[in-house]
C-alpha atoms as a PDB file:
ATOM      1  CA  MET A   1      19.462   2.770 -17.615  1.00  0.00           C
ATOM      2  CA  THR A   2      22.495   2.111 -16.238  1.00  0.00           C
ATOM      3  CA  HIS A   3      24.191  -1.513 -15.477  1.00  0.00           C
ATOM      4  CA  THR A   4      23.299  -1.017 -11.198  1.00  0.00           C
ATOM      5  CA  THR A   5      19.583  -0.399 -12.593  1.00  0.00           C
ATOM      6  CA  ILE A   6      19.727  -3.344 -14.449  1.00  0.00           C
ATOM      7  CA  SER A   7      21.393  -5.278 -11.306  1.00  0.00           C
ATOM      8  CA  SER A   8      18.822  -4.091  -9.216  1.00  0.00           C
ATOM      9  CA  PHE A   9      15.785  -5.663 -11.266  1.00  0.00           C
ATOM     10  CA  THR A  10      17.379  -8.623 -11.900  1.00  0.00           C
ATOM     11  CA  GLN A  11      18.216  -8.817  -8.062  1.00  0.00           C
ATOM     12  CA  ALA A  12      14.152  -8.674  -7.125  1.00  0.00           C
ATOM     13  CA  ALA A  13      13.646 -10.909  -9.852  1.00  0.00           C
ATOM     14  CA  GLN A  14      15.079 -13.683  -8.682  1.00  0.00           C
ATOM     15  CA  GLN A  15      14.083 -12.618  -5.204  1.00  0.00           C
ATOM     16  CA  ALA A  16      10.631 -12.988  -6.059  1.00  0.00           C
ATOM     17  CA  GLN A  17      11.614 -16.105  -7.344  1.00  0.00           C
ATOM     18  CA  GLN A  18      12.928 -17.507  -4.232  1.00  0.00           C
ATOM     19  CA  TRP A  19       9.932 -17.095  -2.613  1.00  0.00           C
ATOM     20  CA  VAL A  20       7.930 -18.744  -5.409  1.00  0.00           C
ATOM     21  CA  ASN A  21       9.962 -21.837  -5.577  1.00  0.00           C
ATOM     22  CA  GLU A  22      10.326 -22.642  -2.247  1.00  0.00           C
ATOM     23  CA  LEU A  23       6.387 -22.467  -1.420  1.00  0.00           C
ATOM     24  CA  ALA A  24       6.347 -24.102  -5.345  1.00  0.00           C
ATOM     25  CA  ALA A  25       9.095 -27.143  -2.985  1.00  0.00           C
ATOM     26  CA  ASP A  26       6.943 -26.828   0.367  1.00  0.00           C
ATOM     27  CA  LEU A  27       3.347 -27.922  -1.050  1.00  0.00           C
ATOM     28  CA  ASN A  28       5.741 -29.998  -3.829  1.00  0.00           C
ATOM     29  CA  TRP A  29       4.260 -28.009  -6.700  1.00  0.00           C
ATOM     30  CA  ARG A  30       4.970 -26.721 -10.450  1.00  0.00           C
ATOM     31  CA  GLU A  31       5.663 -23.166  -9.769  1.00  0.00           C
ATOM     32  CA  PRO A  32       3.365 -21.616 -11.872  1.00  0.00           C
ATOM     33  CA  ARG A  33       0.353 -23.291  -9.320  1.00  0.00           C
ATOM     34  CA  ALA A  34       1.927 -22.502  -6.371  1.00  0.00           C
ATOM     35  CA  TYR A  35       2.439 -18.653  -7.792  1.00  0.00           C
ATOM     36  CA  ARG A  36      -1.550 -18.232  -8.177  1.00  0.00           C
ATOM     37  CA  LEU A  37      -1.600 -19.875  -4.755  1.00  0.00           C
ATOM     38  CA  PHE A  38       0.971 -16.873  -3.262  1.00  0.00           C
ATOM     39  CA  ARG A  39      -0.673 -14.255  -5.158  1.00  0.00           C
ATOM     40  CA  SER A  40      -4.318 -14.879  -4.103  1.00  0.00           C
ATOM     41  CA  VAL A  41      -3.070 -15.188  -0.382  1.00  0.00           C
ATOM     42  CA  LEU A  42      -0.979 -12.224  -0.497  1.00  0.00           C
ATOM     43  CA  HIS A  43      -4.229  -9.939  -2.416  1.00  0.00           C
ATOM     44  CA  ALA A  44      -6.342 -11.907   0.474  1.00  0.00           C
ATOM     45  CA  LEU A  45      -4.290 -11.049   3.537  1.00  0.00           C
ATOM     46  CA  ARG A  46      -3.700  -7.251   2.193  1.00  0.00           C
ATOM     47  CA  ASP A  47      -7.840  -6.858   2.258  1.00  0.00           C
ATOM     48  CA  TRP A  48      -8.259  -8.882   5.422  1.00  0.00           C
ATOM     49  CA  LEU A  49      -5.847  -6.089   7.327  1.00  0.00           C
ATOM     50  CA  SER A  50      -6.286  -2.444   8.154  1.00  0.00           C
ATOM     51  CA  PRO A  51      -4.033   0.234   4.924  1.00  0.00           C
ATOM     52  CA  GLU A  52      -2.033   0.719   7.331  1.00  0.00           C
ATOM     53  CA  GLU A  53      -0.964  -2.625   8.608  1.00  0.00           C
ATOM     54  CA  ALA A  54      -1.260  -3.551   4.972  1.00  0.00           C
ATOM     55  CA  ALA A  55       1.110  -0.810   4.039  1.00  0.00           C
ATOM     56  CA  ASP A  56       3.706  -2.107   7.551  1.00  0.00           C
ATOM     57  CA  LEU A  57       3.989  -5.591   5.799  1.00  0.00           C
ATOM     58  CA  SER A  58       4.852  -4.258   2.570  1.00  0.00           C
ATOM     59  CA  ALA A  59       7.540  -2.348   3.662  1.00  0.00           C
ATOM     60  CA  GLN A  60       9.097  -5.777   4.322  1.00  0.00           C
ATOM     61  CA  LEU A  61       8.237  -7.319   0.656  1.00  0.00           C
ATOM     62  CA  PRO A  62      11.043  -7.854  -1.649  1.00  0.00           C
ATOM     63  CA  VAL A  63      10.147  -5.231  -4.218  1.00  0.00           C
ATOM     64  CA  LEU A  64       8.317  -7.038  -6.945  1.00  0.00           C
ATOM     65  CA  VAL A  65       6.370  -8.961  -4.307  1.00  0.00           C
ATOM     66  CA  ARG A  66       5.313  -5.528  -3.091  1.00  0.00           C
ATOM     67  CA  GLY A  67       4.415  -4.922  -6.655  1.00  0.00           C
ATOM     68  CA  VAL A  68       2.146  -8.784  -6.519  1.00  0.00           C
ATOM     69  CA  PHE A  69       0.497  -7.255  -3.164  1.00  0.00           C
ATOM     70  CA  PHE A  70      -0.124  -3.832  -4.181  1.00  0.00           C
ATOM     71  CA  GLU A  71      -2.013  -4.827  -7.565  1.00  0.00           C
ATOM     72  CA  GLY A  72      -5.770  -4.236  -7.823  1.00  0.00           C
ATOM     73  CA  TRP A  73      -5.597  -2.955  -4.342  1.00  0.00           C
ATOM     74  CA  GLN A  74      -8.574  -0.518  -3.524  1.00  0.00           C
ATOM     75  CA  PRO A  75      -7.510   0.846   0.107  1.00  0.00           C
ATOM     76  CA  GLN A  76     -10.405   2.493   0.913  1.00  0.00           C
ATOM     77  CA  GLU A  77     -12.090  -1.033   0.884  1.00  0.00           C
ATOM     78  CA  SER A  78     -10.139  -2.406   3.449  1.00  0.00           C
ATOM     79  CA  PRO A  79     -10.319  -3.907   5.246  1.00  0.00           C
ATOM     80  CA  VAL A  80     -12.791  -6.395   4.225  1.00  0.00           C
ATOM     81  CA  TRP A  81     -15.943  -6.463   6.287  1.00  0.00           C
ATOM     82  CA  ASP A  82     -16.515  -9.690   7.053  1.00  0.00           C
ATOM     83  CA  ARG A  83     -13.150 -11.419   8.030  1.00  0.00           C
ATOM     84  CA  LYS A  84     -13.672 -14.609   9.064  1.00  0.00           C
ATOM     85  CA  LYS A  85     -11.593 -17.435   8.454  1.00  0.00           C
ATOM     86  CA  ASP A  86     -14.254 -18.939   5.959  1.00  0.00           C
ATOM     87  CA  ASP A  87     -14.495 -16.253   4.337  1.00  0.00           C
ATOM     88  CA  PHE A  88     -11.164 -15.672   3.475  1.00  0.00           C
ATOM     89  CA  VAL A  89     -10.390 -19.496   2.284  1.00  0.00           C
ATOM     90  CA  PHE A  90     -13.459 -18.674   0.365  1.00  0.00           C
ATOM     91  CA  ARG A  91     -12.104 -15.871  -1.372  1.00  0.00           C
ATOM     92  CA  ILE A  92      -8.777 -17.657  -2.476  1.00  0.00           C
ATOM     93  CA  ALA A  93     -11.142 -20.209  -3.790  1.00  0.00           C
ATOM     94  CA  SER A  94     -12.916 -18.074  -5.394  1.00  0.00           C
ATOM     95  CA  ASP A  95      -9.749 -17.340  -6.910  1.00  0.00           C
ATOM     96  CA  LEU A  96      -8.079 -20.251  -8.243  1.00  0.00           C
ATOM     97  CA  GLY A  97     -11.073 -22.179  -9.425  1.00  0.00           C
ATOM     98  CA  ASP A  98     -10.328 -25.834 -10.248  1.00  0.00           C
ATOM     99  CA  ASP A  99      -7.098 -24.862  -9.106  1.00  0.00           C
ATOM    100  CA  MET A 100      -8.145 -25.541  -5.353  1.00  0.00           C
ATOM    101  CA  PRO A 101      -5.856 -27.459  -3.802  1.00  0.00           C
ATOM    102  CA  ASN A 102      -8.031 -30.247  -1.114  1.00  0.00           C
ATOM    103  CA  ASP A 103      -6.539 -28.974   1.249  1.00  0.00           C
ATOM    104  CA  ALA A 104      -7.000 -25.958   1.782  1.00  0.00           C
ATOM    105  CA  ASP A 105      -5.912 -24.955   5.292  1.00  0.00           C
ATOM    106  CA  THR A 106      -2.848 -26.480   4.240  1.00  0.00           C
ATOM    107  CA  ALA A 107      -1.619 -24.152   1.170  1.00  0.00           C
ATOM    108  CA  ILE A 108      -2.658 -20.559   2.552  1.00  0.00           C
ATOM    109  CA  ALA A 109      -0.843 -22.098   6.114  1.00  0.00           C
ATOM    110  CA  ALA A 110       2.116 -23.107   3.678  1.00  0.00           C
ATOM    111  CA  VAL A 111       1.766 -19.318   2.300  1.00  0.00           C
ATOM    112  CA  PHE A 112       1.771 -18.314   6.183  1.00  0.00           C
ATOM    113  CA  ARG A 113       4.691 -19.781   6.351  1.00  0.00           C
ATOM    114  CA  LEU A 114       6.350 -18.727   3.592  1.00  0.00           C
ATOM    115  CA  LEU A 115       5.892 -15.066   5.047  1.00  0.00           C
ATOM    116  CA  ASP A 116       6.786 -16.015   8.385  1.00  0.00           C
ATOM    117  CA  ARG A 117      10.374 -17.343   6.919  1.00  0.00           C
ATOM    118  CA  HIS A 118      11.394 -13.928   5.413  1.00  0.00           C
ATOM    119  CA  ILE A 119       9.243 -11.241   7.338  1.00  0.00           C
ATOM    120  CA  SER A 120      10.580  -9.960  11.222  1.00  0.00           C
ATOM    121  CA  PRO A 121       9.120 -11.528  13.512  1.00  0.00           C
ATOM    122  CA  GLY A 122       7.223  -8.410  15.451  1.00  0.00           C
ATOM    123  CA  GLU A 123       5.627  -8.314  12.275  1.00  0.00           C
ATOM    124  CA  ILE A 124       4.226 -11.067  11.820  1.00  0.00           C
ATOM    125  CA  ARG A 125       3.070 -10.779  14.885  1.00  0.00           C
ATOM    126  CA  GLN A 126       1.181  -7.301  14.331  1.00  0.00           C
ATOM    127  CA  VAL A 127      -0.123  -9.301  11.440  1.00  0.00           C
ATOM    128  CA  ARG A 128      -1.685 -12.420  12.709  1.00  0.00           C
ATOM    129  CA  ASN A 129      -2.688 -10.235  16.214  1.00  0.00           C
ATOM    130  CA  ALA A 130      -4.309  -8.047  12.681  1.00  0.00           C
ATOM    131  CA  MET A 131      -6.458 -11.309  12.225  1.00  0.00           C
ATOM    132  CA  LYS A 132      -9.681 -12.917  13.641  1.00  0.00           C
ATOM    133  CA  LYS A 133      -8.575 -15.628  15.874  1.00  0.00           C
ATOM    134  CA  SER A 134      -9.877 -18.635  12.957  1.00  0.00           C
ATOM    135  CA  LEU A 135      -7.545 -17.224  10.765  1.00  0.00           C
ATOM    136  CA  ARG A 136      -5.020 -17.134  13.149  1.00  0.00           C
ATOM    137  CA  GLN A 137      -5.033 -20.145  13.410  1.00  0.00           C
ATOM    138  CA  LEU A 138      -3.579 -21.230  10.096  1.00  0.00           C
ATOM    139  CA  TRP A 139      -0.511 -19.092  10.966  1.00  0.00           C
ATOM    140  CA  PRO A 140       2.230 -21.074  12.436  1.00  0.00           C
ATOM    141  CA  ALA A 141       2.822 -19.672  16.179  1.00  0.00           C
ATOM    142  CA  HIS A 142       6.107 -18.066  17.619  1.00  0.00           C
END
């Protein structure tokens, strides 16, 4: 393995860790809890989008975050049938169990704000427009 390949892995890990650190700071949480929320929201978001839109969004994610995004994905089941905000929140609550924050909307919105800071405005607009109106309310408006 070349030095370039090793440094690429190191850079990818640092970038993914930076995103988790930002989310943890935004929520005043410990990093493991922030990572679990981040992963859960990414998976729910991926499953709420069409496979084409999920692929478009993933192209702007850091390589390790992209791996988390696609982990366990079954594109033939996307988008999920019932894509309301309550179903989205329930999906995340089911993933997090006892670790689900009391204010789920605020926690989910923090993940959306993180994506908003790192993904191009045009892609964020496409993702928001692909969501039901009730779920869009969690995403910061431009």
